[in-house]
Amino acid sequence: MSTGFELTAVSRTDLGKGATRRLRKENKVPAVVYGAGSEPVSITLGHNELLHSTENEAFFSHILSLEIDGKKENVVIKDLQRHPSRAILMHADFLRINLNEKLKVHVPIHFIGEDVAPGVKLGGVVTHDLVDVEVECLPKNLPEFIEVDISELELGESIHLSNLTAPKGTELVALIHGDLQVVSIQANRAALLEDEDAPEAAAADSSDEESE
């Protein structure tokens, strides 16, 4: 089971827009914890502590240890609302984890081999269509990321979800929605336009020379 992140929170009963505004002025983040057959609980976390944790990509695909009023629970983050223009966290949703039940989580995709891919060496551009993928597994099997090797990808080729190898004990839930394209290497459009313009430029130069 992925671990390593610990958060401290306190429960709250003062709800509503006015209460959440006061919390944010006190540099705190309102949040809720739900799931695992228990009632939802409204909580408050320190803003800077939570913001610092979210700066690590692994935070979003790990089982988190959340201490509420001195009692620890295993959770994953399910939603995080940010201010549209400032580095401020507005609200967070946490899902309780039952260690014996499967969960669905989005985990990041790590791409390797881009610098040696044949398509890149021919001037192609790598396009990342997906940056994360939804998986289903027991908490103990939750991967930190899914690795995608494109070191052998040729120009014009792509990798789809069905080409990925899920870690042991993990299923790619995203396949339910279709065999989406994950990454591809396409010709550089700017270079193609230059190649298309080259004959016209050469013809124009030739015409200028003849007129002289």
C-alpha atoms as a PDB file:
ATOM      1  CA  MET A   1       0.000   0.000   0.000  1.00  0.00           C
ATOM      2  CA  SER A   2       1.279   3.459  -0.934  1.00  0.00           C
ATOM      3  CA  THR A   3       1.847   5.580   2.154  1.00  0.00           C
ATOM      4  CA  GLY A   4       4.000   8.460   3.281  1.00  0.00           C
ATOM      5  CA  PHE A   5       1.653  11.454   3.504  1.00  0.00           C
ATOM      6  CA  GLU A   6       0.226  12.482   6.866  1.00  0.00           C
ATOM      7  CA  LEU A   7      -2.301  15.260   7.399  1.00  0.00           C
ATOM      8  CA  THR A   8      -3.833  16.647  10.573  1.00  0.00           C
ATOM      9  CA  ALA A   9      -7.379  17.985  10.725  1.00  0.00           C
ATOM     10  CA  VAL A  10     -10.081  18.936  13.201  1.00  0.00           C
ATOM     11  CA  SER A  11     -13.802  18.285  12.836  1.00  0.00           C
ATOM     12  CA  ARG A  12     -16.143  21.253  12.470  1.00  0.00           C
ATOM     13  CA  THR A  13     -19.843  21.897  12.966  1.00  0.00           C
ATOM     14  CA  ASP A  14     -19.872  25.532  11.880  1.00  0.00           C
ATOM     15  CA  LEU A  15     -20.972  25.150   8.258  1.00  0.00           C
ATOM     16  CA  GLY A  16     -22.178  27.458   5.508  1.00  0.00           C
ATOM     17  CA  LYS A  17     -20.625  30.085   3.253  1.00  0.00           C
ATOM     18  CA  GLY A  18     -19.945  32.506   6.082  1.00  0.00           C
ATOM     19  CA  ALA A  19     -18.080  29.855   8.062  1.00  0.00           C
ATOM     20  CA  THR A  20     -15.962  28.785   5.093  1.00  0.00           C
ATOM     21  CA  ARG A  21     -15.030  32.398   4.363  1.00  0.00           C
ATOM     22  CA  ARG A  22     -13.870  32.840   7.955  1.00  0.00           C
ATOM     23  CA  LEU A  23     -11.800  29.669   7.751  1.00  0.00           C
ATOM     24  CA  ARG A  24     -10.053  30.824   4.590  1.00  0.00           C
ATOM     25  CA  LYS A  25      -9.223  34.152   6.190  1.00  0.00           C
ATOM     26  CA  GLU A  26      -7.595  32.141   8.991  1.00  0.00           C
ATOM     27  CA  ASN A  27      -5.471  30.317   6.388  1.00  0.00           C
ATOM     28  CA  LYS A  28      -7.442  27.095   6.726  1.00  0.00           C
ATOM     29  CA  VAL A  29      -9.138  24.813   4.205  1.00  0.00           C
ATOM     30  CA  PRO A  30     -12.655  23.400   4.673  1.00  0.00           C
ATOM     31  CA  ALA A  31     -13.008  19.764   3.635  1.00  0.00           C
ATOM     32  CA  VAL A  32     -15.194  16.695   3.956  1.00  0.00           C
ATOM     33  CA  VAL A  33     -14.430  12.995   4.571  1.00  0.00           C
ATOM     34  CA  TYR A  34     -16.903  10.349   3.415  1.00  0.00           C
ATOM     35  CA  GLY A  35     -17.232   6.685   2.404  1.00  0.00           C
ATOM     36  CA  ALA A  36     -16.562   3.239   3.895  1.00  0.00           C
ATOM     37  CA  GLY A  37     -20.078   3.016   5.280  1.00  0.00           C
ATOM     38  CA  SER A  38     -19.632   5.909   7.709  1.00  0.00           C
ATOM     39  CA  GLU A  39     -21.310   9.300   7.858  1.00  0.00           C
ATOM     40  CA  PRO A  40     -19.587  12.233   6.136  1.00  0.00           C
ATOM     41  CA  VAL A  41     -17.569  14.451   8.457  1.00  0.00           C
ATOM     42  CA  SER A  42     -16.762  18.103   7.837  1.00  0.00           C
ATOM     43  CA  ILE A  43     -13.196  18.981   8.763  1.00  0.00           C
ATOM     44  CA  THR A  44     -10.655  21.782   8.623  1.00  0.00           C
ATOM     45  CA  LEU A  45      -6.993  21.522   7.588  1.00  0.00           C
ATOM     46  CA  GLY A  46      -4.095  23.943   7.660  1.00  0.00           C
ATOM     47  CA  HIS A  47      -3.817  25.567   4.233  1.00  0.00           C
ATOM     48  CA  ASN A  48      -0.039  25.644   3.976  1.00  0.00           C
ATOM     49  CA  GLU A  49       0.324  22.029   5.097  1.00  0.00           C
ATOM     50  CA  LEU A  50      -2.146  20.830   2.471  1.00  0.00           C
ATOM     51  CA  LEU A  51      -0.724  23.068  -0.258  1.00  0.00           C
ATOM     52  CA  HIS A  52       2.783  21.772   0.394  1.00  0.00           C
ATOM     53  CA  SER A  53       1.548  18.173   0.093  1.00  0.00           C
ATOM     54  CA  THR A  54      -0.224  18.852  -3.204  1.00  0.00           C
ATOM     55  CA  GLU A  55       3.018  20.074  -4.751  1.00  0.00           C
ATOM     56  CA  ASN A  56       4.107  16.420  -4.840  1.00  0.00           C
ATOM     57  CA  GLU A  57       2.534  14.502  -7.741  1.00  0.00           C
ATOM     58  CA  ALA A  58       2.464  11.313  -5.667  1.00  0.00           C
ATOM     59  CA  PHE A  59       0.062  12.915  -3.185  1.00  0.00           C
ATOM     60  CA  PHE A  60      -2.829  12.312  -5.591  1.00  0.00           C
ATOM     61  CA  SER A  61      -2.184   8.586  -6.014  1.00  0.00           C
ATOM     62  CA  HIS A  62      -1.219   7.609  -2.469  1.00  0.00           C
ATOM     63  CA  ILE A  63      -3.143   6.349   0.513  1.00  0.00           C
ATOM     64  CA  LEU A  64      -3.050   9.270   2.937  1.00  0.00           C
ATOM     65  CA  SER A  65      -3.014   9.116   6.709  1.00  0.00           C
ATOM     66  CA  LEU A  66      -5.530  11.700   7.907  1.00  0.00           C
ATOM     67  CA  GLU A  67      -5.685  12.379  11.651  1.00  0.00           C
ATOM     68  CA  ILE A  68      -9.003  13.884  12.734  1.00  0.00           C
ATOM     69  CA  ASP A  69      -9.279  14.970  16.364  1.00  0.00           C
ATOM     70  CA  GLY A  70      -6.513  12.517  17.261  1.00  0.00           C
ATOM     71  CA  LYS A  71      -7.969   9.553  15.343  1.00  0.00           C
ATOM     72  CA  LYS A  72      -6.219   8.370  12.156  1.00  0.00           C
ATOM     73  CA  GLU A  73      -8.013   7.218   9.032  1.00  0.00           C
ATOM     74  CA  ASN A  74      -6.762   5.969   5.666  1.00  0.00           C
ATOM     75  CA  VAL A  75      -8.086   8.124   2.831  1.00  0.00           C
ATOM     76  CA  VAL A  76      -7.443   9.198  -0.744  1.00  0.00           C
ATOM     77  CA  ILE A  77      -8.120  12.644  -2.122  1.00  0.00           C
ATOM     78  CA  LYS A  78     -11.055  12.637  -4.531  1.00  0.00           C
ATOM     79  CA  ASP A  79     -11.469  16.311  -5.349  1.00  0.00           C
ATOM     80  CA  LEU A  80      -9.538  19.505  -4.798  1.00  0.00           C
ATOM     81  CA  GLN A  81     -10.914  22.954  -5.594  1.00  0.00           C
ATOM     82  CA  ARG A  82      -8.411  25.711  -6.278  1.00  0.00           C
ATOM     83  CA  HIS A  83      -8.781  29.457  -6.659  1.00  0.00           C
ATOM     84  CA  PRO A  84      -8.942  30.259 -10.391  1.00  0.00           C
ATOM     85  CA  SER A  85      -6.092  32.770 -10.336  1.00  0.00           C
ATOM     86  CA  ARG A  86      -4.264  32.501  -7.001  1.00  0.00           C
ATOM     87  CA  ALA A  87      -2.309  29.731  -5.268  1.00  0.00           C
ATOM     88  CA  ILE A  88      -5.119  29.108  -2.797  1.00  0.00           C
ATOM     89  CA  LEU A  89      -6.895  25.832  -2.033  1.00  0.00           C
ATOM     90  CA  MET A  90     -10.628  26.349  -1.592  1.00  0.00           C
ATOM     91  CA  HIS A  91     -12.012  22.932  -0.608  1.00  0.00           C
ATOM     92  CA  ALA A  92     -11.033  19.243  -0.508  1.00  0.00           C
ATOM     93  CA  ASP A  93     -12.914  15.943  -0.573  1.00  0.00           C
ATOM     94  CA  PHE A  94     -11.395  12.816   0.982  1.00  0.00           C
ATOM     95  CA  LEU A  95     -12.644   9.240   0.549  1.00  0.00           C
ATOM     96  CA  ARG A  96     -12.192   6.756   3.394  1.00  0.00           C
ATOM     97  CA  ILE A  97     -10.451   3.535   2.417  1.00  0.00           C
ATOM     98  CA  ASN A  98     -11.417   0.015   3.403  1.00  0.00           C
ATOM     99  CA  LEU A  99      -8.214  -1.998   3.029  1.00  0.00           C
ATOM    100  CA  ASN A 100     -10.242  -5.046   1.935  1.00  0.00           C
ATOM    101  CA  GLU A 101     -12.227  -3.290  -0.777  1.00  0.00           C
ATOM    102  CA  LYS A 102     -11.105  -2.176  -4.230  1.00  0.00           C
ATOM    103  CA  LEU A 103     -10.973   1.521  -4.995  1.00  0.00           C
ATOM    104  CA  LYS A 104     -10.854   3.613  -8.151  1.00  0.00           C
ATOM    105  CA  VAL A 105      -8.150   6.257  -8.371  1.00  0.00           C
ATOM    106  CA  HIS A 106      -6.574   8.345 -11.112  1.00  0.00           C
ATOM    107  CA  VAL A 107      -2.812   7.803 -11.205  1.00  0.00           C
ATOM    108  CA  PRO A 108      -0.318   9.834 -13.257  1.00  0.00           C
ATOM    109  CA  ILE A 109       1.338   8.516 -16.408  1.00  0.00           C
ATOM    110  CA  HIS A 110       5.122   8.708 -16.659  1.00  0.00           C
ATOM    111  CA  PHE A 111       6.521   8.702 -20.183  1.00  0.00           C
ATOM    112  CA  ILE A 112      10.037   7.381 -20.824  1.00  0.00           C
ATOM    113  CA  GLY A 113      12.177   7.021 -23.930  1.00  0.00           C
ATOM    114  CA  GLU A 114      11.130  10.253 -25.630  1.00  0.00           C
ATOM    115  CA  ASP A 115      14.712  11.309 -26.288  1.00  0.00           C
ATOM    116  CA  VAL A 116      15.529   8.115 -28.209  1.00  0.00           C
ATOM    117  CA  ALA A 117      12.237   7.463 -30.021  1.00  0.00           C
ATOM    118  CA  PRO A 118      12.814   7.034 -33.796  1.00  0.00           C
ATOM    119  CA  GLY A 119       9.905   9.363 -34.570  1.00  0.00           C
ATOM    120  CA  VAL A 120      11.455  12.137 -32.493  1.00  0.00           C
ATOM    121  CA  LYS A 121      14.843  11.690 -34.154  1.00  0.00           C
ATOM    122  CA  LEU A 122      13.105  12.229 -37.507  1.00  0.00           C
ATOM    123  CA  GLY A 123      11.793  15.562 -36.275  1.00  0.00           C
ATOM    124  CA  GLY A 124       8.439  14.409 -34.935  1.00  0.00           C
ATOM    125  CA  VAL A 125       6.639  16.009 -32.010  1.00  0.00           C
ATOM    126  CA  VAL A 126       5.371  13.982 -29.026  1.00  0.00           C
ATOM    127  CA  THR A 127       1.740  14.609 -28.116  1.00  0.00           C
ATOM    128  CA  HIS A 128       0.535  13.490 -24.671  1.00  0.00           C
ATOM    129  CA  ASP A 129      -3.205  12.894 -25.032  1.00  0.00           C
ATOM    130  CA  LEU A 130      -3.558  11.579 -21.467  1.00  0.00           C
ATOM    131  CA  VAL A 131      -1.559  12.570 -18.399  1.00  0.00           C
ATOM    132  CA  ASP A 132      -3.272  10.208 -15.957  1.00  0.00           C
ATOM    133  CA  VAL A 133      -5.389   7.067 -16.052  1.00  0.00           C
ATOM    134  CA  GLU A 134      -8.096   5.648 -13.783  1.00  0.00           C
ATOM    135  CA  VAL A 135      -7.290   2.297 -12.185  1.00  0.00           C
ATOM    136  CA  GLU A 136      -9.113  -0.092  -9.855  1.00  0.00           C
ATOM    137  CA  CYS A 137      -7.311  -2.170  -7.251  1.00  0.00           C
ATOM    138  CA  LEU A 138      -6.991  -3.021  -3.591  1.00  0.00           C
ATOM    139  CA  PRO A 139      -5.290  -0.278  -1.579  1.00  0.00           C
ATOM    140  CA  LYS A 140      -2.168  -2.420  -1.130  1.00  0.00           C
ATOM    141  CA  ASN A 141      -1.732  -2.606  -4.922  1.00  0.00           C
ATOM    142  CA  LEU A 142      -2.238   1.079  -5.667  1.00  0.00           C
ATOM    143  CA  PRO A 143       0.568   2.153  -8.041  1.00  0.00           C
ATOM    144  CA  GLU A 144       2.257   5.520  -7.707  1.00  0.00           C
ATOM    145  CA  PHE A 145       2.196   5.905 -11.498  1.00  0.00           C
ATOM    146  CA  ILE A 146       1.799   4.002 -14.776  1.00  0.00           C
ATOM    147  CA  GLU A 147       4.920   3.913 -16.941  1.00  0.00           C
ATOM    148  CA  VAL A 148       4.643   4.230 -20.730  1.00  0.00           C
ATOM    149  CA  ASP A 149       7.743   3.509 -22.836  1.00  0.00           C
ATOM    150  CA  ILE A 150       7.763   5.256 -26.222  1.00  0.00           C
ATOM    151  CA  SER A 151      11.413   4.564 -27.053  1.00  0.00           C
ATOM    152  CA  GLU A 152      10.437   2.518 -30.124  1.00  0.00           C
ATOM    153  CA  LEU A 153       7.628   4.721 -31.408  1.00  0.00           C
ATOM    154  CA  GLU A 154       7.960   5.699 -35.072  1.00  0.00           C
ATOM    155  CA  LEU A 155       6.699   8.861 -36.767  1.00  0.00           C
ATOM    156  CA  GLY A 156       2.916   8.685 -37.115  1.00  0.00           C
ATOM    157  CA  GLU A 157       2.553   5.893 -34.549  1.00  0.00           C
ATOM    158  CA  SER A 158       0.653   6.011 -31.269  1.00  0.00           C
ATOM    159  CA  ILE A 159       0.036   4.086 -28.057  1.00  0.00           C
ATOM    160  CA  HIS A 160      -3.488   3.405 -26.784  1.00  0.00           C
ATOM    161  CA  LEU A 161      -4.857   2.304 -23.420  1.00  0.00           C
ATOM    162  CA  SER A 162      -5.038  -1.300 -24.613  1.00  0.00           C
ATOM    163  CA  ASN A 163      -1.261  -1.228 -25.167  1.00  0.00           C
ATOM    164  CA  LEU A 164      -0.528  -0.384 -21.529  1.00  0.00           C
ATOM    165  CA  THR A 165       0.543  -3.009 -19.031  1.00  0.00           C
ATOM    166  CA  ALA A 166      -1.244  -2.542 -15.719  1.00  0.00           C
ATOM    167  CA  PRO A 167       0.746  -3.362 -12.563  1.00  0.00           C
ATOM    168  CA  LYS A 168      -0.073  -6.661 -10.840  1.00  0.00           C
ATOM    169  CA  GLY A 169      -3.442  -6.581  -9.125  1.00  0.00           C
ATOM    170  CA  THR A 170      -4.501  -3.455 -11.018  1.00  0.00           C
ATOM    171  CA  GLU A 171      -7.147  -2.983 -13.722  1.00  0.00           C
ATOM    172  CA  LEU A 172      -7.401  -0.063 -16.137  1.00  0.00           C
ATOM    173  CA  VAL A 173     -10.921   1.204 -15.544  1.00  0.00           C
ATOM    174  CA  ALA A 174     -10.454   3.826 -18.255  1.00  0.00           C
ATOM    175  CA  LEU A 175     -10.794   1.116 -20.926  1.00  0.00           C
ATOM    176  CA  ILE A 176     -14.514   0.974 -20.146  1.00  0.00           C
ATOM    177  CA  HIS A 177     -14.830   4.363 -21.829  1.00  0.00           C
ATOM    178  CA  GLY A 178     -13.026   3.207 -24.973  1.00  0.00           C
ATOM    179  CA  ASP A 179      -9.525   2.521 -26.201  1.00  0.00           C
ATOM    180  CA  LEU A 180      -8.324   6.103 -25.931  1.00  0.00           C
ATOM    181  CA  GLN A 181      -5.058   7.278 -27.418  1.00  0.00           C
ATOM    182  CA  VAL A 182      -2.422   7.926 -24.765  1.00  0.00           C
ATOM    183  CA  VAL A 183       0.509   9.341 -26.719  1.00  0.00           C
ATOM    184  CA  SER A 184       1.605   9.771 -30.334  1.00  0.00           C
ATOM    185  CA  ILE A 185       4.449  11.148 -32.431  1.00  0.00           C
ATOM    186  CA  GLN A 186       3.327  13.372 -35.271  1.00  0.00           C
ATOM    187  CA  ALA A 187       5.179  15.291 -37.951  1.00  0.00           C
ATOM    188  CA  ASN A 188       6.205  18.817 -37.021  1.00  0.00           C
ATOM    189  CA  ARG A 189       3.592  21.049 -38.672  1.00  0.00           C
ATOM    190  CA  ALA A 190       5.920  24.040 -38.801  1.00  0.00           C
ATOM    191  CA  ALA A 191       8.507  21.978 -40.654  1.00  0.00           C
ATOM    192  CA  LEU A 192       5.864  20.685 -43.063  1.00  0.00           C
ATOM    193  CA  LEU A 193       4.711  24.208 -43.836  1.00  0.00           C
ATOM    194  CA  GLU A 194       8.286  25.249 -44.514  1.00  0.00           C
ATOM    195  CA  ASP A 195       8.690  22.311 -46.899  1.00  0.00           C
ATOM    196  CA  GLU A 196       5.453  23.262 -48.671  1.00  0.00           C
ATOM    197  CA  ASP A 197       6.537  26.885 -49.004  1.00  0.00           C
ATOM    198  CA  ALA A 198       9.999  25.980 -50.291  1.00  0.00           C
ATOM    199  CA  PRO A 199       8.955  25.219 -53.929  1.00  0.00           C
ATOM    200  CA  GLU A 200       6.942  28.448 -54.106  1.00  0.00           C
ATOM    201  CA  ALA A 201       9.863  30.444 -52.743  1.00  0.00           C
ATOM    202  CA  ALA A 202      12.234  28.818 -55.232  1.00  0.00           C
ATOM    203  CA  ALA A 203       9.841  29.582 -58.093  1.00  0.00           C
ATOM    204  CA  ALA A 204       9.572  33.196 -56.981  1.00  0.00           C
ATOM    205  CA  ASP A 205      13.366  33.527 -56.838  1.00  0.00           C
ATOM    206  CA  SER A 206      13.648  32.029 -60.322  1.00  0.00           C
ATOM    207  CA  SER A 207      11.050  34.451 -61.673  1.00  0.00           C
ATOM    208  CA  ASP A 208      12.911  37.401 -60.150  1.00  0.00           C
ATOM    209  CA  GLU A 209      16.158  36.262 -61.754  1.00  0.00           C
ATOM    210  CA  GLU A 210      14.489  35.955 -65.197  1.00  0.00           C
ATOM    211  CA  SER A 211      12.970  39.425 -64.963  1.00  0.00           C
ATOM    212  CA  GLU A 212      16.366  40.864 -64.237  1.00  0.00           C
END
